[in-house]
Amino acid sequence: MSFRLFFNFECLKKYCRSWPASGEIDLLESRGNAELYDTDNINIGVEQVAQTLHFGPFHSMNGWEKTHFEQNSRRGEGYNKGFHLYQLEWTPDRIKFSVDNEPVAEVLPSNGGFWELAGFPSNLENPWRFAENAKMAPFDQKFYLLVGLAVGGTNSYFPDSATSPNTRKPWTNESPTAKRDFWNGREEWLRTWKGEDSALIIDYIRVWAI
């Protein structure tokens, strides 16, 4: 899987909070499986990419579902068929994701910020309430921008219901031995990857401050 990336952002500050109160920007998330399908027969492997913001007061309280955006290529094409642009415009008022210059989603929080956007319970303490730019916090500071090509995991990114022709997912997300199950089934799972066609290849990363 090959990627071209560029970023355009403003308003950088010190990175200092614990995850996900510190926030996380996933410019690109994808699975490397050539043929991996959900229950609606949608290819969630190389034909799907996602862009996500993670944020919340603590690990088990994450508002990512409000800011998670998926996009599929045309059937049979896939994002592994050459380089693509995965783009982020980040200003003091909004965050906008694009792929190949086509807008995917724009996150424009109100004055209540990401806390209000997520709809967190009122009995929790907002960790960003004293931020200088509370509207954009925690995305009001310096960040690592993540690009991820996943092979497994137990956070449901690989649903147990996912199917691949002639191959079963060799672990379940709730298994107490998921890592061992993954390792023991590695040869079967590896067949769902098509060598370098499923590799993470980055041509360039460009960042502009305006």
Protein backbone atom coordinates (compact mmCIF):
# COMPACT_ATOMS: atom_id res chain seq x y z
CA MET A 1 0.00 0.00 0.00
CA SER A 2 1.56 3.28 -1.10
CA PHE A 3 0.88 6.72 0.30
CA ARG A 4 1.70 10.32 -0.49
CA LEU A 5 1.02 12.69 2.38
CA PHE A 6 0.92 16.39 3.04
CA PHE A 7 -0.19 18.47 5.99
CA ASN A 8 -1.30 22.06 6.34
CA PHE A 9 -1.76 23.30 9.88
CA GLU A 10 -1.66 26.20 12.30
CA CYS A 11 -1.78 26.78 16.06
CA LEU A 12 0.91 24.47 17.50
CA LYS A 13 1.40 24.19 21.26
CA LYS A 14 3.15 21.95 23.77
CA TYR A 15 2.18 18.28 23.77
CA CYS A 16 1.67 17.46 27.44
CA ARG A 17 -1.44 15.42 28.31
CA SER A 18 -2.00 11.67 28.66
CA TRP A 19 -3.87 9.74 25.95
CA PRO A 20 -6.52 10.42 24.76
CA ALA A 21 -6.81 13.64 26.76
CA SER A 22 -3.73 14.65 24.77
CA GLY A 23 -5.58 13.92 21.53
CA GLU A 24 -4.45 11.90 18.54
CA ILE A 25 -4.65 12.66 14.84
CA ASP A 26 -4.74 9.63 12.55
CA LEU A 27 -4.14 11.04 9.12
CA LEU A 28 -4.51 7.58 7.65
CA GLU A 29 -5.62 4.19 8.94
CA SER A 30 -5.92 1.13 6.76
CA ARG A 31 -5.81 -2.66 6.78
CA GLY A 32 -3.38 -4.44 4.47
CA ASN A 33 -5.60 -7.38 3.60
CA ALA A 34 -6.36 -7.65 -0.11
CA GLU A 35 -9.80 -9.19 0.38
CA LEU A 36 -11.35 -8.54 3.76
CA TYR A 37 -15.11 -7.99 3.88
CA ASP A 38 -17.61 -6.87 6.50
CA THR A 39 -21.10 -8.32 6.88
CA ASP A 40 -22.37 -5.99 4.12
CA ASN A 41 -19.76 -7.40 1.72
CA ILE A 42 -17.82 -4.11 1.75
CA ASN A 43 -14.07 -4.48 1.32
CA ILE A 44 -12.55 -3.13 4.55
CA GLY A 45 -9.03 -4.10 3.49
CA VAL A 46 -6.99 -2.28 0.84
CA GLU A 47 -10.12 -0.70 -0.65
CA GLN A 48 -10.88 1.31 2.50
CA VAL A 49 -9.05 4.11 4.30
CA ALA A 50 -10.01 6.04 7.41
CA GLN A 51 -9.07 9.33 9.06
CA THR A 52 -9.75 9.86 12.77
CA LEU A 53 -9.40 12.19 15.73
CA HIS A 54 -9.09 10.55 19.15
CA PHE A 55 -9.91 12.60 22.26
CA GLY A 56 -11.41 12.14 25.70
CA PRO A 57 -10.76 12.49 29.44
CA PHE A 58 -9.34 8.94 29.82
CA HIS A 59 -8.76 5.71 27.92
CA SER A 60 -12.22 4.20 28.26
CA MET A 61 -13.95 7.49 27.36
CA ASN A 62 -12.92 8.33 23.79
CA GLY A 63 -14.99 10.47 21.42
CA TRP A 64 -13.39 9.06 18.27
CA GLU A 65 -16.67 7.73 16.85
CA LYS A 66 -17.82 11.33 16.32
CA THR A 67 -14.70 12.10 14.28
CA HIS A 68 -13.99 8.86 12.40
CA PHE A 69 -14.39 8.98 8.63
CA GLU A 70 -14.12 6.03 6.24
CA GLN A 71 -13.88 6.06 2.49
CA ASN A 72 -13.83 3.23 -0.04
CA SER A 73 -12.34 3.13 -3.49
CA ARG A 74 -14.25 1.70 -6.40
CA ARG A 75 -14.63 -2.05 -6.25
CA GLY A 76 -11.49 -3.75 -7.51
CA GLU A 77 -9.33 -0.62 -7.51
CA GLY A 78 -8.01 -0.23 -3.97
CA TYR A 79 -5.69 2.32 -2.40
CA ASN A 80 -2.78 -0.05 -2.96
CA LYS A 81 -2.84 0.67 -6.71
CA GLY A 82 -0.36 3.55 -6.60
CA PHE A 83 0.33 6.65 -4.54
CA HIS A 84 -2.40 8.79 -3.01
CA LEU A 85 -2.60 12.09 -1.15
CA TYR A 86 -3.85 11.97 2.44
CA GLN A 87 -4.38 15.54 3.55
CA LEU A 88 -5.10 17.55 6.66
CA GLU A 89 -5.87 21.24 7.00
CA TRP A 90 -5.60 22.29 10.64
CA THR A 91 -6.48 25.81 11.76
CA PRO A 92 -7.46 27.38 15.12
CA ASP A 93 -11.13 26.81 14.18
CA ARG A 94 -11.42 23.54 12.29
CA ILE A 95 -9.82 20.32 11.06
CA LYS A 96 -10.49 19.17 7.53
CA PHE A 97 -9.57 15.78 6.04
CA SER A 98 -9.15 15.13 2.32
CA VAL A 99 -8.00 12.30 0.07
CA ASP A 100 -6.54 13.08 -3.33
CA ASN A 101 -7.72 16.69 -3.03
CA GLU A 102 -11.32 15.57 -2.48
CA PRO A 103 -12.78 16.66 0.90
CA VAL A 104 -13.76 13.75 3.15
CA ALA A 105 -14.93 15.53 6.31
CA GLU A 106 -14.63 18.80 8.19
CA VAL A 107 -14.68 18.94 11.99
CA LEU A 108 -15.86 22.36 13.10
CA PRO A 109 -16.53 22.37 16.86
CA SER A 110 -18.80 24.94 18.48
CA ASN A 111 -17.74 27.08 21.43
CA GLY A 112 -18.26 24.01 23.63
CA GLY A 113 -15.35 22.41 21.80
CA PHE A 114 -14.64 18.74 21.40
CA TRP A 115 -16.07 18.05 24.85
CA GLU A 116 -19.50 19.17 23.69
CA LEU A 117 -19.04 17.50 20.29
CA ALA A 118 -18.52 14.10 21.91
CA GLY A 119 -21.40 14.54 24.35
CA PHE A 120 -19.41 13.33 27.33
CA PRO A 121 -21.39 12.91 30.60
CA SER A 122 -21.80 16.09 32.62
CA ASN A 123 -20.47 14.41 35.78
CA LEU A 124 -17.00 14.08 34.22
CA GLU A 125 -14.40 16.82 34.44
CA ASN A 126 -13.41 18.44 31.16
CA PRO A 127 -9.58 18.25 31.02
CA TRP A 128 -9.47 21.09 28.46
CA ARG A 129 -11.65 23.60 30.30
CA PHE A 130 -8.71 25.95 30.98
CA ALA A 131 -7.10 25.67 27.54
CA GLU A 132 -6.26 28.92 25.80
CA ASN A 133 -8.19 27.72 22.75
CA ALA A 134 -10.84 25.61 24.50
CA LYS A 135 -12.82 25.34 21.29
CA MET A 136 -10.08 23.27 19.61
CA ALA A 137 -8.47 21.60 22.66
CA PRO A 138 -6.88 19.11 22.76
CA PHE A 139 -6.06 19.90 19.12
CA ASP A 140 -4.48 23.22 20.09
CA GLN A 141 -0.94 21.93 20.58
CA LYS A 142 1.96 20.23 18.86
CA PHE A 143 1.25 16.72 17.54
CA TYR A 144 2.67 13.63 16.02
CA LEU A 145 0.51 12.82 13.01
CA LEU A 146 -0.05 9.08 12.66
CA VAL A 147 -0.10 6.95 9.53
CA GLY A 148 -1.05 3.36 10.27
CA LEU A 149 -1.27 0.13 8.30
CA ALA A 150 -2.78 -2.47 10.63
CA VAL A 151 -2.15 -6.22 10.64
CA GLY A 152 -4.28 -7.16 13.65
CA GLY A 153 -5.42 -6.05 17.08
CA THR A 154 -8.23 -6.61 19.56
CA ASN A 155 -9.91 -3.18 19.56
CA SER A 156 -12.51 -4.35 16.97
CA TYR A 157 -10.75 -2.59 14.09
CA PHE A 158 -10.66 -6.12 12.69
CA PRO A 159 -14.23 -7.25 13.45
CA ASP A 160 -14.68 -10.90 14.39
CA SER A 161 -17.40 -11.05 11.73
CA ALA A 162 -14.99 -10.04 8.95
CA THR A 163 -14.44 -12.64 6.23
CA SER A 164 -11.74 -13.33 3.68
CA PRO A 165 -12.02 -15.94 0.89
CA ASN A 166 -10.76 -19.36 1.99
CA THR A 167 -9.24 -17.87 5.14
CA ARG A 168 -10.55 -17.36 8.65
CA LYS A 169 -9.51 -14.61 11.03
CA PRO A 170 -7.17 -16.58 13.32
CA TRP A 171 -8.07 -14.83 16.58
CA THR A 172 -11.10 -13.30 18.29
CA ASN A 173 -11.05 -9.88 19.87
CA GLU A 174 -12.20 -11.18 23.25
CA SER A 175 -9.80 -14.13 23.38
CA PRO A 176 -7.45 -14.06 26.40
CA THR A 177 -4.78 -15.54 24.11
CA ALA A 178 -5.43 -13.33 21.05
CA LYS A 179 -1.75 -12.51 20.48
CA ARG A 180 -0.77 -16.16 20.61
CA ASP A 181 -3.68 -17.12 18.38
CA PHE A 182 -2.58 -14.46 15.89
CA TRP A 183 0.97 -15.78 15.90
CA ASN A 184 -0.07 -19.41 15.54
CA GLY A 185 -2.32 -18.47 12.61
CA ARG A 186 0.18 -16.14 10.97
CA GLU A 187 0.68 -18.26 7.84
CA GLU A 188 -3.05 -18.44 7.19
CA TRP A 189 -3.49 -14.71 7.85
CA LEU A 190 -0.48 -13.79 5.73
CA ARG A 191 -2.20 -15.29 2.70
CA THR A 192 -4.69 -12.41 2.84
CA TRP A 193 -1.79 -10.00 2.15
CA LYS A 194 -0.36 -9.72 -1.36
CA GLY A 195 3.30 -9.02 -0.70
CA GLU A 196 4.47 -5.54 -1.64
CA ASP A 197 0.97 -4.69 -2.87
CA SER A 198 0.02 -4.52 0.81
CA ALA A 199 3.16 -2.74 2.01
CA LEU A 200 3.23 0.74 3.56
CA ILE A 201 5.29 2.87 1.19
CA ILE A 202 5.57 6.63 1.79
CA ASP A 203 6.82 8.83 -1.03
CA TYR A 204 6.93 12.09 0.92
CA ILE A 205 5.55 14.01 3.89
CA ARG A 206 5.10 17.75 3.52
CA VAL A 207 4.08 20.26 6.17
CA TRP A 208 3.18 23.92 5.64
CA ALA A 209 2.47 26.49 8.34
CA ILE A 210 0.42 29.47 7.18
